[in-house]
Amino acid sequence: MDTWKRFEPVFLSLLRVMAGLLVLQHGTSKFLNVPIGPMNNMPIQSMFGAAGVFELVCGLLLVIGLFTRPAAFLLSGMSAIGYFYIHAPRGFFPLLNGGGMVALFCFVFLFLSAAGGGPFSVDRLIRQKD
């Protein structure tokens, strides 16, 4: 059990980076058309466009580990809004309403907002200089 305990900080940083990359691709798809998908060229004035701004900016912040806690908290709230606005009206079960990934993102980001960025983050570098 102690063997895995020493890897917790590394896994925290890995979770942050991967969650950031996964949400970042939603933002890049909406505004940079990479990857090509159904939400390319999204107008910024739309609800999906506004979500794309959060995905792009906060996703990038999570990847590098800068302002991890506020960025993750904003993404958690955005995911919760997305779930209740888009998926929950389609039915109760996330498996059936297509909201499983959004619900998981919500709680991963909520965890990251409490846990921070881990040892491999810009936040940690800044904090060490103080």
N, C-alpha and C. Protein backbone atom coordinates (compact mmCIF):
# COMPACT_ATOMS: atom_id res chain seq x y z
N MET A 1 0.82 -1.20 0.00
CA MET A 1 0.00 0.00 0.00
C MET A 1 0.86 1.26 0.00
N ASP A 2 1.95 1.26 0.78
CA ASP A 2 2.83 2.43 0.84
C ASP A 2 3.53 2.67 -0.49
N THR A 3 3.70 1.61 -1.28
CA THR A 3 4.35 1.76 -2.58
C THR A 3 3.56 2.71 -3.47
N TRP A 4 2.27 2.57 -3.49
CA TRP A 4 1.42 3.44 -4.33
C TRP A 4 1.30 4.83 -3.75
N LYS A 5 1.37 4.95 -2.44
CA LYS A 5 1.22 6.25 -1.78
C LYS A 5 2.26 7.26 -2.25
N ARG A 6 3.47 6.81 -2.50
CA ARG A 6 4.51 7.73 -2.93
C ARG A 6 4.29 8.27 -4.34
N PHE A 7 3.45 7.60 -5.12
CA PHE A 7 3.16 8.05 -6.47
C PHE A 7 1.95 9.00 -6.55
N GLU A 8 1.25 9.20 -5.44
CA GLU A 8 0.05 10.06 -5.45
C GLU A 8 0.31 11.44 -6.04
N PRO A 9 1.36 12.16 -5.63
CA PRO A 9 1.59 13.48 -6.21
C PRO A 9 1.82 13.45 -7.71
N VAL A 10 2.52 12.43 -8.19
CA VAL A 10 2.77 12.31 -9.63
C VAL A 10 1.45 12.04 -10.36
N PHE A 11 0.64 11.15 -9.81
CA PHE A 11 -0.65 10.84 -10.43
C PHE A 11 -1.58 12.05 -10.42
N LEU A 12 -1.50 12.87 -9.38
CA LEU A 12 -2.30 14.10 -9.33
C LEU A 12 -1.92 15.01 -10.49
N SER A 13 -0.63 15.20 -10.72
CA SER A 13 -0.19 16.03 -11.84
C SER A 13 -0.61 15.42 -13.17
N LEU A 14 -0.51 14.10 -13.28
CA LEU A 14 -0.91 13.41 -14.50
C LEU A 14 -2.41 13.57 -14.76
N LEU A 15 -3.22 13.45 -13.71
CA LEU A 15 -4.67 13.65 -13.84
C LEU A 15 -4.97 15.07 -14.31
N ARG A 16 -4.29 16.05 -13.73
CA ARG A 16 -4.49 17.45 -14.12
C ARG A 16 -4.16 17.67 -15.58
N VAL A 17 -3.01 17.17 -16.01
CA VAL A 17 -2.58 17.36 -17.40
C VAL A 17 -3.55 16.68 -18.37
N MET A 18 -3.92 15.45 -18.09
CA MET A 18 -4.80 14.72 -19.01
C MET A 18 -6.20 15.31 -19.05
N ALA A 19 -6.74 15.70 -17.89
CA ALA A 19 -8.06 16.34 -17.88
C ALA A 19 -8.00 17.66 -18.63
N GLY A 20 -6.92 18.40 -18.44
CA GLY A 20 -6.74 19.66 -19.16
C GLY A 20 -6.67 19.45 -20.66
N LEU A 21 -5.91 18.46 -21.11
CA LEU A 21 -5.80 18.18 -22.54
C LEU A 21 -7.14 17.74 -23.13
N LEU A 22 -7.87 16.92 -22.38
CA LEU A 22 -9.16 16.43 -22.88
C LEU A 22 -10.18 17.56 -23.03
N VAL A 23 -10.20 18.48 -22.09
CA VAL A 23 -11.15 19.59 -22.20
C VAL A 23 -10.64 20.64 -23.19
N LEU A 24 -9.32 20.78 -23.29
CA LEU A 24 -8.74 21.74 -24.23
C LEU A 24 -9.11 21.40 -25.66
N GLN A 25 -9.18 20.11 -25.99
CA GLN A 25 -9.53 19.74 -27.36
C GLN A 25 -10.95 20.17 -27.72
N HIS A 26 -11.83 20.28 -26.74
CA HIS A 26 -13.18 20.79 -27.02
C HIS A 26 -13.11 22.26 -27.43
N GLY A 27 -12.27 23.02 -26.74
CA GLY A 27 -12.11 24.44 -27.08
C GLY A 27 -11.43 24.64 -28.41
N THR A 28 -10.37 23.86 -28.68
CA THR A 28 -9.67 24.01 -29.96
C THR A 28 -10.57 23.59 -31.12
N SER A 29 -11.42 22.62 -30.88
CA SER A 29 -12.36 22.20 -31.92
C SER A 29 -13.35 23.31 -32.26
N LYS A 30 -13.80 24.01 -31.25
CA LYS A 30 -14.80 25.06 -31.46
C LYS A 30 -14.23 26.30 -32.14
N PHE A 31 -12.97 26.63 -31.86
CA PHE A 31 -12.42 27.89 -32.38
C PHE A 31 -11.28 27.73 -33.38
N LEU A 32 -10.51 26.66 -33.27
CA LEU A 32 -9.37 26.47 -34.16
C LEU A 32 -9.60 25.35 -35.18
N ASN A 33 -10.77 24.69 -35.09
CA ASN A 33 -11.16 23.60 -36.00
C ASN A 33 -10.19 22.42 -35.95
N VAL A 34 -9.58 22.20 -34.81
CA VAL A 34 -8.70 21.06 -34.60
C VAL A 34 -9.10 20.39 -33.30
N PRO A 35 -9.56 19.19 -33.30
CA PRO A 35 -9.85 18.35 -34.46
C PRO A 35 -11.17 18.75 -35.12
N ILE A 36 -11.34 18.31 -36.34
CA ILE A 36 -12.58 18.58 -37.07
C ILE A 36 -13.71 17.84 -36.36
N GLY A 37 -14.78 18.55 -36.09
CA GLY A 37 -15.91 17.93 -35.39
C GLY A 37 -17.19 18.69 -35.63
N PRO A 38 -18.24 18.28 -34.95
CA PRO A 38 -19.56 18.89 -35.19
C PRO A 38 -19.70 20.31 -34.65
N MET A 39 -18.78 20.77 -33.83
CA MET A 39 -18.92 22.10 -33.25
C MET A 39 -17.87 23.08 -33.77
N ASN A 40 -17.30 22.82 -34.93
CA ASN A 40 -16.32 23.74 -35.52
C ASN A 40 -16.97 25.07 -35.85
N ASN A 41 -16.14 26.14 -35.81
CA ASN A 41 -16.57 27.50 -36.14
C ASN A 41 -17.75 27.97 -35.29
N MET A 42 -17.69 27.67 -34.01
CA MET A 42 -18.76 28.03 -33.09
C MET A 42 -18.74 29.54 -32.83
N PRO A 43 -19.87 30.22 -32.99
CA PRO A 43 -19.89 31.65 -32.66
C PRO A 43 -19.69 31.86 -31.15
N ILE A 44 -18.84 32.80 -30.80
CA ILE A 44 -18.49 33.02 -29.40
C ILE A 44 -19.69 33.53 -28.59
N GLN A 45 -20.68 34.10 -29.26
CA GLN A 45 -21.85 34.63 -28.56
C GLN A 45 -22.84 33.54 -28.15
N SER A 46 -22.67 32.34 -28.66
CA SER A 46 -23.57 31.24 -28.30
C SER A 46 -23.14 30.63 -26.97
N MET A 47 -24.03 29.83 -26.39
CA MET A 47 -23.70 29.14 -25.14
C MET A 47 -22.53 28.18 -25.35
N PHE A 48 -22.52 27.49 -26.48
CA PHE A 48 -21.42 26.57 -26.76
C PHE A 48 -20.12 27.34 -27.01
N GLY A 49 -20.22 28.51 -27.60
CA GLY A 49 -19.05 29.35 -27.80
C GLY A 49 -18.48 29.84 -26.48
N ALA A 50 -19.35 30.23 -25.57
CA ALA A 50 -18.91 30.66 -24.24
C ALA A 50 -18.22 29.50 -23.52
N ALA A 51 -18.80 28.30 -23.65
CA ALA A 51 -18.18 27.12 -23.05
C ALA A 51 -16.81 26.88 -23.68
N GLY A 52 -16.69 27.13 -24.98
CA GLY A 52 -15.43 26.95 -25.68
C GLY A 52 -14.34 27.87 -25.15
N VAL A 53 -14.72 29.08 -24.76
CA VAL A 53 -13.74 30.01 -24.17
C VAL A 53 -13.20 29.43 -22.86
N PHE A 54 -14.10 28.93 -22.02
CA PHE A 54 -13.68 28.30 -20.76
C PHE A 54 -12.80 27.09 -21.04
N GLU A 55 -13.20 26.27 -22.00
CA GLU A 55 -12.45 25.06 -22.32
C GLU A 55 -11.05 25.40 -22.83
N LEU A 56 -10.97 26.41 -23.66
CA LEU A 56 -9.69 26.81 -24.25
C LEU A 56 -8.76 27.42 -23.19
N VAL A 57 -9.25 28.42 -22.49
CA VAL A 57 -8.42 29.14 -21.53
C VAL A 57 -8.12 28.29 -20.29
N CYS A 58 -9.15 27.79 -19.67
CA CYS A 58 -8.95 27.01 -18.43
C CYS A 58 -8.27 25.68 -18.72
N GLY A 59 -8.56 25.07 -19.88
CA GLY A 59 -7.89 23.83 -20.25
C GLY A 59 -6.40 24.04 -20.38
N LEU A 60 -6.00 25.13 -21.03
CA LEU A 60 -4.58 25.44 -21.17
C LEU A 60 -3.94 25.70 -19.80
N LEU A 61 -4.65 26.44 -18.95
CA LEU A 61 -4.13 26.70 -17.60
C LEU A 61 -3.93 25.39 -16.83
N LEU A 62 -4.86 24.45 -16.99
CA LEU A 62 -4.70 23.17 -16.29
C LEU A 62 -3.52 22.38 -16.84
N VAL A 63 -3.34 22.39 -18.14
CA VAL A 63 -2.24 21.63 -18.73
C VAL A 63 -0.90 22.09 -18.17
N ILE A 64 -0.71 23.40 -18.07
CA ILE A 64 0.57 23.89 -17.54
C ILE A 64 0.57 24.00 -16.02
N GLY A 65 -0.59 23.91 -15.40
CA GLY A 65 -0.67 23.96 -13.94
C GLY A 65 -0.57 25.36 -13.38
N LEU A 66 -1.11 26.33 -14.08
CA LEU A 66 -1.12 27.71 -13.61
C LEU A 66 -2.54 28.09 -13.20
N PHE A 67 -2.69 28.67 -12.02
CA PHE A 67 -4.01 28.99 -11.46
C PHE A 67 -4.92 27.76 -11.50
N THR A 68 -4.36 26.64 -11.09
CA THR A 68 -5.05 25.36 -11.20
C THR A 68 -6.37 25.35 -10.45
N ARG A 69 -6.37 25.81 -9.23
CA ARG A 69 -7.59 25.72 -8.42
C ARG A 69 -8.74 26.55 -9.00
N PRO A 70 -8.54 27.84 -9.31
CA PRO A 70 -9.66 28.59 -9.89
C PRO A 70 -10.07 28.09 -11.27
N ALA A 71 -9.09 27.69 -12.09
CA ALA A 71 -9.42 27.19 -13.43
C ALA A 71 -10.25 25.91 -13.34
N ALA A 72 -9.85 25.01 -12.45
CA ALA A 72 -10.59 23.76 -12.28
C ALA A 72 -11.98 24.02 -11.71
N PHE A 73 -12.08 24.97 -10.79
CA PHE A 73 -13.39 25.29 -10.21
C PHE A 73 -14.34 25.84 -11.28
N LEU A 74 -13.82 26.72 -12.14
CA LEU A 74 -14.65 27.26 -13.23
C LEU A 74 -15.09 26.15 -14.19
N LEU A 75 -14.17 25.25 -14.51
CA LEU A 75 -14.53 24.14 -15.41
C LEU A 75 -15.51 23.18 -14.76
N SER A 76 -15.41 23.00 -13.45
CA SER A 76 -16.37 22.15 -12.75
C SER A 76 -17.77 22.75 -12.84
N GLY A 77 -17.86 24.05 -12.60
CA GLY A 77 -19.16 24.72 -12.71
C GLY A 77 -19.69 24.70 -14.13
N MET A 78 -18.82 24.92 -15.11
CA MET A 78 -19.24 24.89 -16.51
C MET A 78 -19.76 23.50 -16.88
N SER A 79 -19.08 22.46 -16.40
CA SER A 79 -19.51 21.09 -16.67
C SER A 79 -20.86 20.80 -16.02
N ALA A 80 -21.05 21.27 -14.80
CA ALA A 80 -22.33 21.06 -14.12
C ALA A 80 -23.47 21.75 -14.87
N ILE A 81 -23.23 22.98 -15.30
CA ILE A 81 -24.25 23.71 -16.07
C ILE A 81 -24.54 22.97 -17.37
N GLY A 82 -23.49 22.53 -18.04
CA GLY A 82 -23.68 21.78 -19.29
C GLY A 82 -24.49 20.52 -19.07
N TYR A 83 -24.20 19.81 -17.98
CA TYR A 83 -24.94 18.58 -17.71
C TYR A 83 -26.42 18.87 -17.47
N PHE A 84 -26.71 19.83 -16.60
CA PHE A 84 -28.11 20.08 -16.26
C PHE A 84 -28.88 20.78 -17.37
N TYR A 85 -28.19 21.54 -18.19
CA TYR A 85 -28.87 22.26 -19.28
C TYR A 85 -29.06 21.38 -20.52
N ILE A 86 -28.07 20.58 -20.86
CA ILE A 86 -28.12 19.80 -22.09
C ILE A 86 -28.54 18.35 -21.86
N HIS A 87 -27.95 17.68 -20.87
CA HIS A 87 -28.12 16.24 -20.73
C HIS A 87 -29.27 15.82 -19.81
N ALA A 88 -29.41 16.44 -18.66
CA ALA A 88 -30.43 16.02 -17.69
C ALA A 88 -31.85 16.06 -18.25
N PRO A 89 -32.20 17.04 -19.10
CA PRO A 89 -33.56 17.01 -19.66
C PRO A 89 -33.85 15.78 -20.53
N ARG A 90 -32.82 15.09 -20.98
CA ARG A 90 -33.00 13.90 -21.82
C ARG A 90 -33.29 12.65 -21.01
N GLY A 91 -33.17 12.73 -19.69
CA GLY A 91 -33.43 11.57 -18.85
C GLY A 91 -32.54 11.57 -17.63
N PHE A 92 -32.85 10.70 -16.68
CA PHE A 92 -32.16 10.68 -15.40
C PHE A 92 -30.76 10.06 -15.48
N PHE A 93 -30.61 8.96 -16.20
CA PHE A 93 -29.37 8.20 -16.19
C PHE A 93 -28.35 8.77 -17.17
N PRO A 94 -27.15 9.11 -16.67
CA PRO A 94 -26.12 9.65 -17.56
C PRO A 94 -25.76 8.72 -18.72
N LEU A 95 -25.85 7.43 -18.52
CA LEU A 95 -25.57 6.48 -19.59
C LEU A 95 -26.54 6.66 -20.75
N LEU A 96 -27.78 6.99 -20.41
CA LEU A 96 -28.82 7.12 -21.44
C LEU A 96 -28.95 8.54 -21.97
N ASN A 97 -28.59 9.55 -21.18
CA ASN A 97 -28.75 10.93 -21.65
C ASN A 97 -27.47 11.50 -22.26
N GLY A 98 -26.42 10.69 -22.36
CA GLY A 98 -25.17 11.12 -22.99
C GLY A 98 -24.31 12.02 -22.13
N GLY A 99 -24.60 12.10 -20.85
CA GLY A 99 -23.88 13.04 -20.00
C GLY A 99 -22.85 12.42 -19.08
N GLY A 100 -22.50 11.16 -19.28
CA GLY A 100 -21.54 10.51 -18.40
C GLY A 100 -20.19 11.20 -18.35
N MET A 101 -19.68 11.58 -19.52
CA MET A 101 -18.37 12.23 -19.57
C MET A 101 -18.42 13.61 -18.92
N VAL A 102 -19.49 14.34 -19.14
CA VAL A 102 -19.62 15.68 -18.56
C VAL A 102 -19.72 15.59 -17.04
N ALA A 103 -20.47 14.63 -16.54
CA ALA A 103 -20.59 14.45 -15.09
C ALA A 103 -19.24 14.07 -14.48
N LEU A 104 -18.51 13.19 -15.15
CA LEU A 104 -17.19 12.80 -14.65
C LEU A 104 -16.24 13.99 -14.67
N PHE A 105 -16.23 14.77 -15.76
CA PHE A 105 -15.42 15.98 -15.82
C PHE A 105 -15.74 16.91 -14.65
N CYS A 106 -17.02 17.08 -14.35
CA CYS A 106 -17.44 17.97 -13.27
C CYS A 106 -16.77 17.58 -11.96
N PHE A 107 -16.77 16.30 -11.64
CA PHE A 107 -16.22 15.87 -10.36
C PHE A 107 -14.70 15.79 -10.38
N VAL A 108 -14.10 15.49 -11.52
CA VAL A 108 -12.64 15.52 -11.62
C VAL A 108 -12.15 16.95 -11.41
N PHE A 109 -12.81 17.91 -12.06
CA PHE A 109 -12.41 19.30 -11.91
C PHE A 109 -12.68 19.81 -10.49
N LEU A 110 -13.76 19.35 -9.88
CA LEU A 110 -14.02 19.73 -8.50
C LEU A 110 -12.92 19.20 -7.59
N PHE A 111 -12.50 17.96 -7.81
CA PHE A 111 -11.39 17.40 -7.05
C PHE A 111 -10.11 18.21 -7.25
N LEU A 112 -9.80 18.55 -8.50
CA LEU A 112 -8.59 19.32 -8.78
C LEU A 112 -8.64 20.71 -8.16
N SER A 113 -9.84 21.28 -8.06
CA SER A 113 -9.94 22.60 -7.43
C SER A 113 -9.61 22.52 -5.94
N ALA A 114 -9.83 21.37 -5.34
CA ALA A 114 -9.49 21.19 -3.93
C ALA A 114 -8.05 20.70 -3.75
N ALA A 115 -7.59 19.82 -4.64
CA ALA A 115 -6.28 19.19 -4.47
C ALA A 115 -5.13 20.03 -5.01
N GLY A 116 -5.40 20.88 -5.98
CA GLY A 116 -4.33 21.67 -6.58
C GLY A 116 -3.69 20.96 -7.75
N GLY A 117 -2.58 21.52 -8.22
CA GLY A 117 -1.96 21.04 -9.45
C GLY A 117 -0.94 19.93 -9.31
N GLY A 118 -0.52 19.63 -8.10
CA GLY A 118 0.47 18.59 -7.92
C GLY A 118 1.89 19.15 -8.07
N PRO A 119 2.88 18.26 -7.98
CA PRO A 119 4.27 18.71 -7.94
C PRO A 119 4.80 19.23 -9.28
N PHE A 120 4.25 18.79 -10.37
CA PHE A 120 4.73 19.20 -11.69
C PHE A 120 3.80 20.25 -12.27
N SER A 121 3.83 21.45 -11.70
CA SER A 121 2.95 22.53 -12.14
C SER A 121 3.66 23.86 -11.98
N VAL A 122 3.23 24.83 -12.75
CA VAL A 122 3.76 26.19 -12.63
C VAL A 122 3.39 26.75 -11.26
N ASP A 123 2.20 26.41 -10.77
CA ASP A 123 1.81 26.85 -9.42
C ASP A 123 2.85 26.46 -8.39
N ARG A 124 3.36 25.24 -8.45
CA ARG A 124 4.35 24.76 -7.49
C ARG A 124 5.66 25.54 -7.65
N LEU A 125 6.06 25.82 -8.90
CA LEU A 125 7.29 26.60 -9.13
C LEU A 125 7.17 27.99 -8.54
N ILE A 126 6.03 28.64 -8.73
CA ILE A 126 5.82 29.97 -8.21
C ILE A 126 5.83 29.97 -6.69
N ARG A 127 5.17 28.98 -6.11
CA ARG A 127 5.08 28.89 -4.65
C ARG A 127 6.45 28.65 -4.03
N GLN A 128 7.35 27.92 -4.70
CA GLN A 128 8.68 27.64 -4.17
C GLN A 128 9.56 28.89 -4.16
N LYS A 129 9.28 29.85 -5.04
CA LYS A 129 10.10 31.07 -5.10
C LYS A 129 9.76 32.04 -3.98
N ASP A 130 8.57 31.89 -3.38
CA ASP A 130 8.17 32.80 -2.29
C ASP A 130 8.92 32.53 -1.01
